Amino acid sequence: MFRLIVATSDTALAARLIGPLEGVAAVIRSAPQTAALLELCRKAAPDLVLIDADPVDGFGNLLGEAM
């Protein structure tokens, strides 16, 4: 089973992503703005991380630290 992290504050988007993945992937939801997201990624060792962020406004310091 795949491990996915869906980082979004949009609950409707998260539901549309998570629903079809039932039985195929273990999905963890997280807010994209939290510094805890980086730690969650380290602990969960996901196969895929989907981040709902606006590139025009910037991805914040979290992604900079992850790189």
N, C-alpha and C. Protein backbone atom coordinates (compact mmCIF):
# COMPACT_ATOMS: atom_id res chain seq x y z
N MET A 1 0.84 -1.18 0.00
CA MET A 1 0.00 0.00 0.00
C MET A 1 0.89 1.24 0.00
N PHE A 2 0.52 2.22 -0.80
CA PHE A 2 1.26 3.47 -0.89
C PHE A 2 0.92 4.36 0.31
N ARG A 3 1.86 5.24 0.66
CA ARG A 3 1.64 6.24 1.72
C ARG A 3 1.68 7.62 1.07
N LEU A 4 0.59 8.37 1.26
CA LEU A 4 0.48 9.70 0.68
C LEU A 4 0.17 10.72 1.77
N ILE A 5 0.73 11.90 1.60
CA ILE A 5 0.37 13.03 2.46
C ILE A 5 -0.29 14.07 1.57
N VAL A 6 -1.49 14.49 1.94
CA VAL A 6 -2.21 15.54 1.24
C VAL A 6 -2.19 16.76 2.14
N ALA A 7 -1.44 17.77 1.74
CA ALA A 7 -1.29 18.98 2.54
C ALA A 7 -2.14 20.08 1.92
N THR A 8 -3.33 20.27 2.47
CA THR A 8 -4.25 21.29 1.98
C THR A 8 -5.19 21.71 3.09
N SER A 9 -5.64 22.94 3.02
CA SER A 9 -6.65 23.41 3.97
C SER A 9 -8.03 23.33 3.34
N ASP A 10 -8.10 22.94 2.08
CA ASP A 10 -9.35 22.81 1.34
C ASP A 10 -9.91 21.40 1.58
N THR A 11 -10.92 21.30 2.44
CA THR A 11 -11.45 19.99 2.80
C THR A 11 -12.15 19.30 1.63
N ALA A 12 -12.78 20.08 0.74
CA ALA A 12 -13.44 19.49 -0.43
C ALA A 12 -12.41 18.87 -1.37
N LEU A 13 -11.31 19.56 -1.58
CA LEU A 13 -10.23 19.03 -2.42
C LEU A 13 -9.66 17.76 -1.81
N ALA A 14 -9.43 17.78 -0.53
CA ALA A 14 -8.88 16.60 0.16
C ALA A 14 -9.82 15.41 0.02
N ALA A 15 -11.11 15.64 0.16
CA ALA A 15 -12.09 14.55 0.05
C ALA A 15 -12.10 13.97 -1.37
N ARG A 16 -12.00 14.84 -2.38
CA ARG A 16 -11.98 14.36 -3.76
C ARG A 16 -10.71 13.57 -4.06
N LEU A 17 -9.63 13.90 -3.41
CA LEU A 17 -8.38 13.16 -3.62
C LEU A 17 -8.36 11.85 -2.84
N ILE A 18 -8.85 11.89 -1.62
CA ILE A 18 -8.76 10.73 -0.73
C ILE A 18 -9.75 9.63 -1.13
N GLY A 19 -10.96 10.01 -1.51
CA GLY A 19 -12.01 9.03 -1.83
C GLY A 19 -11.57 7.95 -2.80
N PRO A 20 -11.09 8.32 -3.97
CA PRO A 20 -10.70 7.31 -4.96
C PRO A 20 -9.49 6.47 -4.55
N LEU A 21 -8.74 6.91 -3.56
CA LEU A 21 -7.53 6.20 -3.16
C LEU A 21 -7.77 5.17 -2.06
N GLU A 22 -9.00 5.08 -1.57
CA GLU A 22 -9.30 4.10 -0.51
C GLU A 22 -8.96 2.70 -0.97
N GLY A 23 -8.26 1.98 -0.14
CA GLY A 23 -7.86 0.62 -0.45
C GLY A 23 -6.58 0.51 -1.26
N VAL A 24 -6.13 1.64 -1.80
CA VAL A 24 -4.91 1.65 -2.60
C VAL A 24 -3.78 2.35 -1.85
N ALA A 25 -4.15 3.34 -1.06
CA ALA A 25 -3.14 4.14 -0.37
C ALA A 25 -3.61 4.54 1.02
N ALA A 26 -2.66 4.66 1.92
CA ALA A 26 -2.92 5.23 3.23
C ALA A 26 -2.67 6.73 3.10
N VAL A 27 -3.70 7.52 3.35
CA VAL A 27 -3.61 8.96 3.13
C VAL A 27 -3.61 9.69 4.46
N ILE A 28 -2.65 10.58 4.64
CA ILE A 28 -2.55 11.42 5.83
C ILE A 28 -2.82 12.85 5.39
N ARG A 29 -3.78 13.51 6.06
CA ARG A 29 -4.06 14.92 5.74
C ARG A 29 -3.28 15.83 6.67
N SER A 30 -2.83 16.95 6.13
CA SER A 30 -2.09 17.93 6.91
C SER A 30 -2.36 19.32 6.33
N ALA A 31 -2.17 20.34 7.16
CA ALA A 31 -2.24 21.72 6.67
C ALA A 31 -0.91 22.05 6.00
N PRO A 32 -0.92 22.75 4.86
CA PRO A 32 0.32 23.03 4.15
C PRO A 32 1.21 24.08 4.81
N GLN A 33 0.66 24.90 5.70
CA GLN A 33 1.43 25.99 6.28
C GLN A 33 2.21 25.59 7.53
N THR A 34 1.98 24.46 8.07
CA THR A 34 2.58 24.12 9.35
C THR A 34 4.01 23.60 9.21
N ALA A 35 4.83 24.00 10.13
CA ALA A 35 6.20 23.49 10.16
C ALA A 35 6.21 22.01 10.49
N ALA A 36 5.13 21.53 11.08
CA ALA A 36 5.02 20.11 11.41
C ALA A 36 4.94 19.24 10.16
N LEU A 37 4.59 19.83 9.01
CA LEU A 37 4.51 19.05 7.77
C LEU A 37 5.86 18.43 7.43
N LEU A 38 6.91 19.18 7.59
CA LEU A 38 8.25 18.65 7.31
C LEU A 38 8.57 17.47 8.21
N GLU A 39 8.27 17.60 9.49
CA GLU A 39 8.51 16.50 10.44
C GLU A 39 7.62 15.30 10.12
N LEU A 40 6.38 15.57 9.74
CA LEU A 40 5.47 14.49 9.35
C LEU A 40 6.03 13.72 8.16
N CYS A 41 6.58 14.43 7.21
CA CYS A 41 7.17 13.77 6.04
C CYS A 41 8.37 12.92 6.43
N ARG A 42 9.15 13.40 7.35
CA ARG A 42 10.31 12.62 7.81
C ARG A 42 9.86 11.33 8.51
N LYS A 43 8.84 11.43 9.34
CA LYS A 43 8.38 10.27 10.12
C LYS A 43 7.59 9.28 9.26
N ALA A 44 6.72 9.77 8.41
CA ALA A 44 5.83 8.90 7.65
C ALA A 44 6.51 8.28 6.43
N ALA A 45 7.59 8.91 5.95
CA ALA A 45 8.30 8.45 4.75
C ALA A 45 7.30 8.15 3.62
N PRO A 46 6.54 9.17 3.21
CA PRO A 46 5.50 8.93 2.20
C PRO A 46 6.09 8.66 0.81
N ASP A 47 5.30 8.00 -0.01
CA ASP A 47 5.66 7.78 -1.41
C ASP A 47 5.37 9.03 -2.24
N LEU A 48 4.41 9.82 -1.78
CA LEU A 48 4.01 11.02 -2.52
C LEU A 48 3.48 12.05 -1.54
N VAL A 49 3.84 13.32 -1.76
CA VAL A 49 3.31 14.43 -0.98
C VAL A 49 2.66 15.40 -1.95
N LEU A 50 1.37 15.65 -1.76
CA LEU A 50 0.65 16.63 -2.57
C LEU A 50 0.46 17.88 -1.73
N ILE A 51 1.01 19.00 -2.21
CA ILE A 51 0.93 20.26 -1.47
C ILE A 51 0.08 21.24 -2.25
N ASP A 52 -1.00 21.68 -1.65
CA ASP A 52 -1.89 22.67 -2.25
C ASP A 52 -1.41 24.04 -1.78
N ALA A 53 -0.61 24.69 -2.63
CA ALA A 53 -0.07 26.01 -2.30
C ALA A 53 -0.07 26.87 -3.55
N ASP A 54 -0.18 28.15 -3.38
CA ASP A 54 -0.21 29.09 -4.50
C ASP A 54 1.22 29.54 -4.82
N PRO A 55 1.78 29.14 -5.95
CA PRO A 55 3.16 29.52 -6.27
C PRO A 55 3.34 31.02 -6.47
N VAL A 56 2.27 31.75 -6.78
CA VAL A 56 2.36 33.20 -6.94
C VAL A 56 2.66 33.86 -5.60
N ASP A 57 2.00 33.37 -4.54
CA ASP A 57 2.21 33.92 -3.20
C ASP A 57 3.44 33.34 -2.54
N GLY A 58 4.01 32.32 -3.12
CA GLY A 58 5.18 31.68 -2.54
C GLY A 58 4.79 30.44 -1.76
N PHE A 59 5.72 29.54 -1.65
CA PHE A 59 5.48 28.30 -0.94
C PHE A 59 5.87 28.40 0.53
N GLY A 60 6.37 29.53 0.93
CA GLY A 60 6.74 29.71 2.33
C GLY A 60 8.11 29.13 2.64
N ASN A 61 8.52 29.25 3.89
CA ASN A 61 9.83 28.81 4.32
C ASN A 61 9.95 27.29 4.42
N LEU A 62 8.82 26.63 4.57
CA LEU A 62 8.83 25.18 4.77
C LEU A 62 9.51 24.45 3.62
N LEU A 63 9.14 24.80 2.39
CA LEU A 63 9.75 24.11 1.26
C LEU A 63 11.21 24.48 1.10
N GLY A 64 11.56 25.71 1.43
CA GLY A 64 12.96 26.12 1.38
C GLY A 64 13.81 25.32 2.34
N GLU A 65 13.27 25.07 3.52
CA GLU A 65 13.99 24.29 4.52
C GLU A 65 14.10 22.83 4.08
N ALA A 66 13.08 22.33 3.39
CA ALA A 66 13.08 20.93 2.96
C ALA A 66 14.12 20.68 1.88
N MET A 67 14.40 21.69 1.08
CA MET A 67 15.38 21.52 0.01
C MET A 67 16.73 21.51 0.62
